[in-house]
Amino acid sequence: MNLEALQSAIRDQHLDGWLFYDHHHRDPIAYRILGLDEHSFVSRRWFYFVPAIGEPRKLVHRIESLKLDNLPGTKSEYSSWQELESQLATMLTGATKIAMQYSPRNAIMYVSMVDAGTVELLRSMGKQIVSSADMVSVFEAVLTASQIATHYAAQAKLDEVLRAGWQHIGDSVRAGHTPTEFDIVTFFNQGITRAGLWTDHGPNCSAGPNSADSHYEPTPESSRPLHNGDFVLIDIWAKLASASSPTQPDPEAIWYDITWTGVIGREPTNREHLIFNTVRDARDASIKAIEDAYAANQPIAGWQADDASRNLIRAAGFGDFFTHRTGHNIAIELHGNGAHLDNLETHDERLILPNTCFSVEPGLYFPGEFGVRNEVNMITQPGKATVTGPRQNKLLRL
């Protein structure tokens, strides 16, 4: 835990402090930010208060009194619920505006870890509880230079795996074979392993009408064969594997996550061209909005980047078929705790911070017909925002 960095972030938000709280590992964010053992046994509530200035304070149950001993600060103990409430009030004396892993109206559910009853208890003590979402982004989503390098290393490797997979699909069908979607997933996973990459599940190969399901996952039992003339969507993601244990991920590596589409053995139809071009242009609208904001040193929130893409799709008359957010934060976790490009599923007011990574992936889905998603990743740095891999600008012909 970096106490100086925590207190600097608290002061930047003009808060009195940041209150961490957990019971039965309900808040994994707290464990990561505080550097606690995420697998330790926790059967009683604990609180850890980091004031904007001064020494942190701990409150733990007497039968788990050592729980926070590796953290700096003074310690109080409780046994009864009455004692917990009394000690908690004492612990927070002098602090009014306090951040917690809470989100008003559950708007940012990714950081909304504190139960309503605990928030009610603190409000009864006269405390104003505000969301820690922006501070969580600072500690969970901002990447080091070495982490950014792992993303680019994964990008170079996975782009080659994807290229080989598309080639394999075309060669197999031209040779008269009918590989299934699951066969292609197996081919990709073998390539991921050979490349020194690791993935937790997937990837996805979606043929024909299955591409209209944005979270379709083929199985050996339900997998569709690929035929000449099929429309195909590939969504693939991976990060560097551990150098010492290739079957495990590098614990500090950052993901690379992309989606491309193509057709087998024919030219795309006019409708496929129209839908692809609309999605591509929507992707580029979000990219430009972020690039322009960074070049001008202007803040941009996740919802604003989503609107840039979504407004173009709505203007084209396809708004009802864009059924998910435009993008998600990418970090050590595939869906990280930084700002998402989202003004549909949530109104994400978190800022897209420098030195963060995220996807830009608008999509249009027509049930029973086909779907197009066009996904790239971006990394922001002071003064600039960059797409980290190639952009697909036209449908592939296999």
Protein backbone atom coordinates (compact mmCIF):
# COMPACT_ATOMS: atom_id res chain seq x y z
CA MET A 1 0.00 0.00 0.00
CA ASN A 2 1.27 3.45 -0.92
CA LEU A 3 -0.07 5.68 1.85
CA GLU A 4 1.37 8.87 0.37
CA ALA A 5 -0.33 8.20 -2.98
CA LEU A 6 -3.62 7.37 -1.28
CA GLN A 7 -3.65 10.55 0.75
CA SER A 8 -2.64 12.64 -2.26
CA ALA A 9 -5.60 11.22 -4.22
CA ILE A 10 -7.95 11.94 -1.31
CA ARG A 11 -6.79 15.55 -1.13
CA ASP A 12 -7.11 15.93 -4.91
CA GLN A 13 -10.80 14.99 -4.53
CA HIS A 14 -11.23 17.46 -1.63
CA LEU A 15 -12.32 14.70 0.74
CA ASP A 16 -11.75 14.12 4.44
CA GLY A 17 -10.79 10.50 3.91
CA TRP A 18 -11.34 7.13 2.29
CA LEU A 19 -13.03 4.40 4.34
CA PHE A 20 -12.32 0.81 3.32
CA TYR A 21 -14.67 -1.85 4.67
CA ASP A 22 -15.09 -5.56 4.12
CA HIS A 23 -16.87 -8.68 5.29
CA HIS A 24 -16.32 -12.10 3.69
CA HIS A 25 -14.27 -10.62 0.83
CA ARG A 26 -17.15 -8.59 -0.55
CA ASP A 27 -14.77 -5.87 -1.72
CA PRO A 28 -11.87 -7.21 -3.80
CA ILE A 29 -10.94 -3.64 -4.72
CA ALA A 30 -10.01 -2.91 -1.11
CA TYR A 31 -7.70 -5.91 -0.95
CA ARG A 32 -5.86 -4.91 -4.11
CA ILE A 33 -5.45 -1.23 -3.24
CA LEU A 34 -4.39 -1.93 0.33
CA GLY A 35 -2.15 -4.84 -0.62
CA LEU A 36 -4.02 -7.35 1.55
CA ASP A 37 -4.12 -11.11 1.00
CA GLU A 38 -7.14 -11.70 -1.22
CA HIS A 39 -7.35 -15.33 -0.05
CA SER A 40 -7.12 -14.75 3.69
CA PHE A 41 -9.90 -15.97 5.98
CA VAL A 42 -12.33 -13.16 6.84
CA SER A 43 -15.40 -13.90 8.95
CA ARG A 44 -15.85 -10.57 10.74
CA ARG A 45 -16.19 -6.97 9.58
CA TRP A 46 -13.14 -4.73 9.42
CA PHE A 47 -12.74 -1.01 8.65
CA TYR A 48 -9.66 0.92 7.59
CA PHE A 49 -9.83 4.71 7.42
CA VAL A 50 -7.23 6.71 5.50
CA PRO A 51 -7.59 10.42 6.35
CA ALA A 52 -6.52 13.12 3.94
CA ILE A 53 -3.80 14.06 6.43
CA GLY A 54 -2.52 12.08 9.38
CA GLU A 55 -2.32 8.51 10.59
CA PRO A 56 -4.73 5.83 9.32
CA ARG A 57 -7.06 4.08 11.76
CA LYS A 58 -8.13 0.42 11.94
CA LEU A 59 -11.15 -1.26 13.45
CA VAL A 60 -11.12 -5.06 13.71
CA HIS A 61 -12.97 -7.80 15.61
CA ARG A 62 -11.15 -9.17 18.62
CA ILE A 63 -11.16 -12.74 17.30
CA GLU A 64 -9.54 -11.48 14.07
CA SER A 65 -7.48 -8.76 15.69
CA LEU A 66 -4.41 -9.33 13.49
CA LYS A 67 -6.31 -8.89 10.24
CA LEU A 68 -4.89 -5.46 9.34
CA ASP A 69 -1.61 -5.60 11.21
CA ASN A 70 0.46 -5.27 8.03
CA LEU A 71 -1.09 -1.84 7.40
CA PRO A 72 0.09 1.38 9.10
CA GLY A 73 -2.07 3.12 11.66
CA THR A 74 -3.62 2.86 15.10
CA LYS A 75 -5.91 -0.06 15.94
CA SER A 76 -9.18 -0.39 17.82
CA GLU A 77 -11.08 -3.61 18.50
CA TYR A 78 -14.72 -4.56 19.01
CA SER A 79 -16.83 -7.58 19.86
CA SER A 80 -20.47 -6.46 20.07
CA TRP A 81 -22.39 -4.57 17.41
CA GLN A 82 -22.90 -1.73 19.87
CA GLU A 83 -19.15 -1.53 20.38
CA LEU A 84 -18.56 -1.60 16.61
CA GLU A 85 -20.85 1.37 16.06
CA SER A 86 -19.33 3.32 18.94
CA GLN A 87 -15.75 2.62 17.83
CA LEU A 88 -16.59 3.45 14.22
CA ALA A 89 -18.01 6.84 15.22
CA THR A 90 -14.87 7.54 17.24
CA MET A 91 -12.64 6.39 14.40
CA LEU A 92 -14.25 8.91 12.03
CA THR A 93 -14.26 11.88 14.40
CA GLY A 94 -13.42 15.05 12.51
CA ALA A 95 -14.23 13.58 9.09
CA THR A 96 -17.45 14.37 7.26
CA LYS A 97 -17.01 13.86 3.52
CA ILE A 98 -15.82 10.29 3.10
CA ALA A 99 -15.25 8.12 0.03
CA MET A 100 -16.26 4.47 -0.04
CA GLN A 101 -16.73 1.81 -2.70
CA TYR A 102 -20.23 3.13 -3.31
CA SER A 103 -22.03 4.55 -6.33
CA PRO A 104 -25.17 6.71 -6.12
CA ARG A 105 -28.12 4.84 -7.66
CA ASN A 106 -25.63 2.01 -8.39
CA ALA A 107 -24.69 3.95 -11.53
CA ILE A 108 -21.16 2.49 -11.60
CA MET A 109 -21.85 -1.00 -10.30
CA TYR A 110 -18.22 -2.07 -10.76
CA VAL A 111 -17.23 -0.08 -7.65
CA SER A 112 -20.49 -0.37 -5.71
CA MET A 113 -19.31 -2.87 -3.09
CA VAL A 114 -20.57 -1.40 0.19
CA ASP A 115 -23.98 -2.61 1.37
CA ALA A 116 -26.81 -0.12 1.81
CA GLY A 117 -27.08 -0.79 5.56
CA THR A 118 -23.49 0.27 6.20
CA VAL A 119 -24.04 3.47 4.21
CA GLU A 120 -27.19 4.12 6.24
CA LEU A 121 -25.27 3.61 9.48
CA LEU A 122 -22.60 6.11 8.48
CA ARG A 123 -25.16 8.66 7.33
CA SER A 124 -26.85 8.37 10.73
CA MET A 125 -23.52 9.52 12.19
CA GLY A 126 -23.64 12.64 10.02
CA LYS A 127 -21.21 11.40 7.39
CA GLN A 128 -21.53 12.28 3.70
CA ILE A 129 -20.62 9.15 1.73
CA VAL A 130 -19.36 9.79 -1.80
CA SER A 131 -18.14 7.44 -4.49
CA SER A 132 -14.52 6.38 -4.60
CA ALA A 133 -14.88 5.54 -8.33
CA ASP A 134 -12.44 8.16 -9.64
CA MET A 135 -9.82 7.26 -7.03
CA VAL A 136 -10.27 3.56 -7.73
CA SER A 137 -9.49 4.32 -11.38
CA VAL A 138 -6.22 5.98 -10.32
CA PHE A 139 -5.08 2.89 -8.41
CA GLU A 140 -6.66 0.14 -10.51
CA ALA A 141 -6.52 1.41 -14.09
CA VAL A 142 -3.49 3.70 -14.45
CA LEU A 143 -0.66 1.64 -15.94
CA THR A 144 3.09 1.74 -15.54
CA ALA A 145 5.40 1.94 -18.55
CA SER A 146 6.29 -1.73 -18.11
CA GLN A 147 2.61 -2.71 -18.04
CA ILE A 148 1.95 -0.74 -21.21
CA ALA A 149 4.84 -2.62 -22.81
CA THR A 150 3.14 -5.94 -21.96
CA HIS A 151 0.03 -4.79 -23.82
CA TYR A 152 2.01 -4.02 -26.96
CA ALA A 153 3.83 -7.35 -26.69
CA ALA A 154 0.48 -9.18 -26.50
CA GLN A 155 -0.84 -7.08 -29.38
CA ALA A 156 1.98 -8.12 -31.73
CA LYS A 157 1.58 -11.80 -30.85
CA LEU A 158 -2.22 -11.94 -30.90
CA ASP A 159 -2.53 -10.06 -34.19
CA GLU A 160 -0.42 -12.82 -35.76
CA VAL A 161 -2.55 -15.53 -34.13
CA LEU A 162 -5.66 -13.86 -35.55
CA ARG A 163 -4.13 -13.56 -39.02
CA ALA A 164 -3.25 -17.27 -38.98
CA GLY A 165 -6.76 -18.15 -37.85
CA TRP A 166 -8.44 -16.28 -40.68
CA GLN A 167 -6.06 -17.98 -43.11
CA HIS A 168 -6.92 -21.36 -41.60
CA ILE A 169 -10.67 -20.76 -42.03
CA GLY A 170 -10.29 -19.82 -45.69
CA ASP A 171 -7.89 -22.67 -46.50
CA SER A 172 -10.07 -25.26 -44.74
CA VAL A 173 -13.30 -24.30 -46.48
CA ARG A 174 -11.62 -24.03 -49.89
CA ALA A 175 -10.22 -27.52 -49.36
CA GLY A 176 -13.76 -28.85 -48.94
CA HIS A 177 -13.70 -29.17 -45.16
CA THR A 178 -16.39 -27.86 -42.81
CA PRO A 179 -14.65 -26.85 -39.59
CA THR A 180 -17.00 -25.95 -36.77
CA GLU A 181 -16.92 -22.76 -34.78
CA PHE A 182 -15.51 -24.77 -31.88
CA ASP A 183 -12.79 -26.20 -34.11
CA ILE A 184 -11.71 -22.65 -34.89
CA VAL A 185 -11.75 -21.74 -31.20
CA THR A 186 -9.48 -24.75 -30.55
CA PHE A 187 -7.13 -23.62 -33.35
CA PHE A 188 -6.92 -20.14 -31.83
CA ASN A 189 -6.28 -21.46 -28.32
CA GLN A 190 -3.43 -23.61 -29.60
CA GLY A 191 -1.98 -20.55 -31.33
CA ILE A 192 -2.36 -18.46 -28.17
CA THR A 193 -0.42 -21.03 -26.16
CA ARG A 194 2.33 -21.38 -28.76
CA ALA A 195 2.72 -17.59 -28.86
CA GLY A 196 3.41 -17.40 -25.11
CA LEU A 197 0.03 -15.87 -24.38
CA TRP A 198 -2.70 -16.80 -21.91
CA THR A 199 -6.47 -16.40 -21.88
CA ASP A 200 -9.08 -17.23 -19.29
CA HIS A 201 -11.78 -18.38 -21.72
CA GLY A 202 -12.87 -18.08 -25.33
CA PRO A 203 -12.14 -16.81 -27.90
CA ASN A 204 -15.37 -16.59 -29.88
CA CYS A 205 -15.99 -17.69 -33.43
CA SER A 206 -19.52 -16.84 -34.55
CA ALA A 207 -20.79 -17.85 -38.00
CA GLY A 208 -23.90 -16.66 -39.82
CA PRO A 209 -26.79 -15.74 -37.50
CA ASN A 210 -24.68 -16.62 -34.44
CA SER A 211 -22.71 -13.43 -35.09
CA ALA A 212 -25.87 -11.51 -34.17
CA ASP A 213 -25.44 -12.73 -30.56
CA SER A 214 -22.85 -10.38 -29.08
CA HIS A 215 -21.88 -12.85 -26.33
CA TYR A 216 -22.24 -16.09 -28.26
CA GLU A 217 -19.92 -18.88 -27.10
CA PRO A 218 -19.67 -22.05 -29.23
CA THR A 219 -19.55 -25.42 -27.51
CA PRO A 220 -18.68 -28.84 -28.97
CA GLU A 221 -22.38 -29.77 -28.81
CA SER A 222 -23.93 -26.60 -30.29
CA SER A 223 -21.17 -25.45 -32.63
CA ARG A 224 -22.16 -24.45 -36.16
CA PRO A 225 -20.12 -25.73 -39.17
CA LEU A 226 -18.51 -23.05 -41.34
CA HIS A 227 -19.48 -23.16 -45.02
CA ASN A 228 -18.62 -21.27 -48.16
CA GLY A 229 -20.62 -18.02 -48.15
CA ASP A 230 -20.80 -17.67 -44.35
CA PHE A 231 -20.39 -14.38 -42.52
CA VAL A 232 -17.91 -14.84 -39.62
CA LEU A 233 -17.10 -12.79 -36.52
CA ILE A 234 -13.98 -13.47 -34.43
CA ASP A 235 -13.60 -11.95 -30.96
CA ILE A 236 -10.24 -12.83 -29.37
CA TRP A 237 -8.40 -11.68 -26.25
CA ALA A 238 -5.19 -12.65 -24.44
CA LYS A 239 -2.34 -11.40 -22.29
CA LEU A 240 1.26 -12.51 -21.79
CA ALA A 241 1.74 -15.83 -20.03
CA SER A 242 4.02 -16.12 -17.04
CA ALA A 243 7.65 -16.69 -18.02
CA SER A 244 8.09 -19.16 -15.15
CA SER A 245 4.74 -20.94 -15.52
CA PRO A 246 3.44 -20.81 -19.12
CA THR A 247 0.03 -22.18 -18.16
CA GLN A 248 -0.55 -19.15 -15.91
CA PRO A 249 -0.81 -15.44 -16.74
CA ASP A 250 1.87 -12.88 -16.08
CA PRO A 251 0.30 -11.27 -12.98
CA GLU A 252 1.19 -7.73 -14.11
CA ALA A 253 0.41 -8.13 -17.82
CA ILE A 254 -2.30 -6.10 -19.59
CA TRP A 255 -4.82 -7.68 -21.97
CA TYR A 256 -5.26 -7.11 -25.70
CA ASP A 257 -8.85 -7.61 -26.94
CA ILE A 258 -10.03 -7.29 -30.57
CA THR A 259 -12.90 -8.25 -32.89
CA TRP A 260 -12.83 -8.62 -36.70
CA THR A 261 -15.36 -9.83 -39.27
CA GLY A 262 -15.23 -11.40 -42.73
CA VAL A 263 -17.03 -13.48 -45.35
CA ILE A 264 -16.01 -16.86 -46.81
CA GLY A 265 -15.66 -17.38 -50.54
CA ARG A 266 -17.68 -14.42 -51.80
CA GLU A 267 -17.98 -10.65 -51.93
CA PRO A 268 -19.93 -8.95 -49.14
CA THR A 269 -23.49 -7.94 -49.90
CA ASN A 270 -24.52 -4.29 -50.08
CA ARG A 271 -26.22 -4.63 -46.69
CA GLU A 272 -23.11 -6.15 -45.12
CA HIS A 273 -21.05 -3.28 -46.55
CA LEU A 274 -23.51 -0.74 -45.14
CA ILE A 275 -23.56 -2.23 -41.66
CA PHE A 276 -19.80 -2.73 -41.52
CA ASN A 277 -19.09 0.80 -42.72
CA THR A 278 -21.53 2.25 -40.19
CA VAL A 279 -19.86 0.37 -37.34
CA ARG A 280 -16.38 1.29 -38.59
CA ASP A 281 -17.31 4.97 -38.79
CA ALA A 282 -18.82 4.84 -35.31
CA ARG A 283 -15.59 3.31 -34.01
CA ASP A 284 -13.60 6.10 -35.64
CA ALA A 285 -15.92 8.76 -34.21
CA SER A 286 -15.14 7.62 -30.66
CA ILE A 287 -11.44 7.34 -31.43
CA LYS A 288 -11.40 10.89 -32.81
CA ALA A 289 -13.29 12.29 -29.83
CA ILE A 290 -10.69 10.82 -27.47
CA GLU A 291 -7.73 11.80 -29.65
CA ASP A 292 -9.00 15.37 -29.95
CA ALA A 293 -9.63 15.70 -26.21
CA TYR A 294 -6.14 14.48 -25.37
CA ALA A 295 -4.47 16.66 -28.00
CA ALA A 296 -6.27 19.70 -26.54
CA ASN A 297 -5.57 18.63 -22.94
CA GLN A 298 -9.31 18.53 -22.27
CA PRO A 299 -10.94 16.00 -19.92
CA ILE A 300 -13.24 13.41 -21.47
CA ALA A 301 -15.53 11.04 -19.60
CA GLY A 302 -16.54 7.56 -20.59
CA TRP A 303 -20.10 8.58 -21.43
CA GLN A 304 -18.87 11.25 -23.85
CA ALA A 305 -16.75 8.77 -25.81
CA ASP A 306 -19.73 6.43 -25.99
CA ASP A 307 -21.99 9.22 -27.28
CA ALA A 308 -19.59 9.97 -30.13
CA SER A 309 -20.07 6.44 -31.46
CA ARG A 310 -23.71 5.98 -30.51
CA ASN A 311 -24.89 9.27 -32.00
CA LEU A 312 -23.46 8.33 -35.39
CA ILE A 313 -25.23 4.96 -35.31
CA ARG A 314 -28.51 6.60 -34.27
CA ALA A 315 -28.22 9.14 -37.07
CA ALA A 316 -27.82 6.22 -39.50
CA GLY A 317 -31.11 4.77 -38.24
CA PHE A 318 -29.64 1.74 -36.44
CA GLY A 319 -29.74 2.87 -32.80
CA ASP A 320 -32.02 0.02 -31.69
CA PHE A 321 -29.47 -2.55 -32.88
CA PHE A 322 -26.53 -1.19 -30.87
CA THR A 323 -27.30 -2.97 -27.62
CA HIS A 324 -24.14 -2.62 -25.52
CA ARG A 325 -21.62 -0.02 -24.40
CA THR A 326 -18.96 1.22 -26.83
CA GLY A 327 -16.01 -0.01 -24.79
CA HIS A 328 -14.56 -1.17 -21.49
CA ASN A 329 -11.47 -0.44 -19.46
CA ILE A 330 -8.62 -2.92 -19.88
CA ALA A 331 -5.98 -3.56 -17.24
CA ILE A 332 -4.69 -6.60 -15.35
CA GLU A 333 -8.30 -7.73 -15.59
CA LEU A 334 -9.90 -7.89 -19.04
CA HIS A 335 -12.75 -5.67 -17.82
CA GLY A 336 -10.85 -3.33 -15.54
CA ASN A 337 -11.97 -0.76 -13.00
CA GLY A 338 -11.28 2.37 -15.02
CA ALA A 339 -13.75 4.36 -17.10
CA HIS A 340 -15.86 2.40 -19.56
CA LEU A 341 -17.09 4.00 -22.78
CA ASP A 342 -20.70 3.80 -21.71
CA ASN A 343 -23.79 5.99 -21.79
CA LEU A 344 -26.22 3.12 -22.37
CA GLU A 345 -25.84 0.43 -19.72
CA THR A 346 -24.52 3.03 -17.27
CA HIS A 347 -23.87 6.76 -17.37
CA ASP A 348 -20.14 6.50 -16.77
CA GLU A 349 -18.94 9.88 -15.54
CA ARG A 350 -15.44 8.62 -14.73
CA LEU A 351 -12.73 10.39 -16.68
CA ILE A 352 -10.60 8.50 -19.20
CA LEU A 353 -7.32 8.99 -17.35
CA PRO A 354 -3.83 9.21 -18.85
CA ASN A 355 -1.90 5.94 -19.00
CA THR A 356 -5.02 3.80 -19.20
CA CYS A 357 -6.09 1.21 -21.76
CA PHE A 358 -9.59 0.48 -23.06
CA SER A 359 -11.50 -1.02 -25.96
CA VAL A 360 -13.52 0.82 -28.59
CA GLU A 361 -16.02 -1.70 -29.98
CA PRO A 362 -19.36 -0.53 -31.35
CA GLY A 363 -21.55 -3.22 -32.86
CA LEU A 364 -24.81 -3.78 -34.73
CA TYR A 365 -26.72 -7.05 -34.37
CA PHE A 366 -29.64 -8.29 -36.45
CA PRO A 367 -31.15 -11.46 -34.93
CA GLY A 368 -31.46 -14.33 -37.39
CA GLU A 369 -29.25 -12.52 -39.90
CA PHE A 370 -25.74 -11.39 -38.86
CA GLY A 371 -23.87 -8.97 -36.62
CA VAL A 372 -20.83 -6.72 -36.94
CA ARG A 373 -18.54 -5.60 -34.13
CA ASN A 374 -15.32 -3.70 -34.83
CA GLU A 375 -13.00 -3.64 -31.83
CA VAL A 376 -9.66 -1.94 -31.27
CA ASN A 377 -7.79 -0.97 -28.12
CA MET A 378 -6.47 2.46 -27.18
CA ILE A 379 -3.88 3.71 -24.70
CA THR A 380 -3.89 7.28 -23.44
CA GLN A 381 -0.76 9.18 -22.45
CA PRO A 382 -0.30 12.85 -21.61
CA GLY A 383 -1.06 14.82 -24.77
CA LYS A 384 -2.05 11.91 -26.96
CA ALA A 385 -4.31 8.86 -27.33
CA THR A 386 -3.27 5.97 -29.56
CA VAL A 387 -4.91 2.95 -31.17
CA THR A 388 -2.55 0.12 -30.25
CA GLY A 389 -3.09 -2.30 -33.15
CA PRO A 390 -4.33 -2.37 -36.74
CA ARG A 391 -7.82 -1.10 -37.57
CA GLN A 392 -10.11 -3.19 -39.75
CA ASN A 393 -11.42 -0.81 -42.39
CA LYS A 394 -13.15 -3.28 -44.72
CA LEU A 395 -14.66 -6.73 -44.42
CA LEU A 396 -12.19 -9.58 -44.91
CA ARG A 397 -12.66 -11.85 -47.94
CA LEU A 398 -11.55 -15.39 -47.12
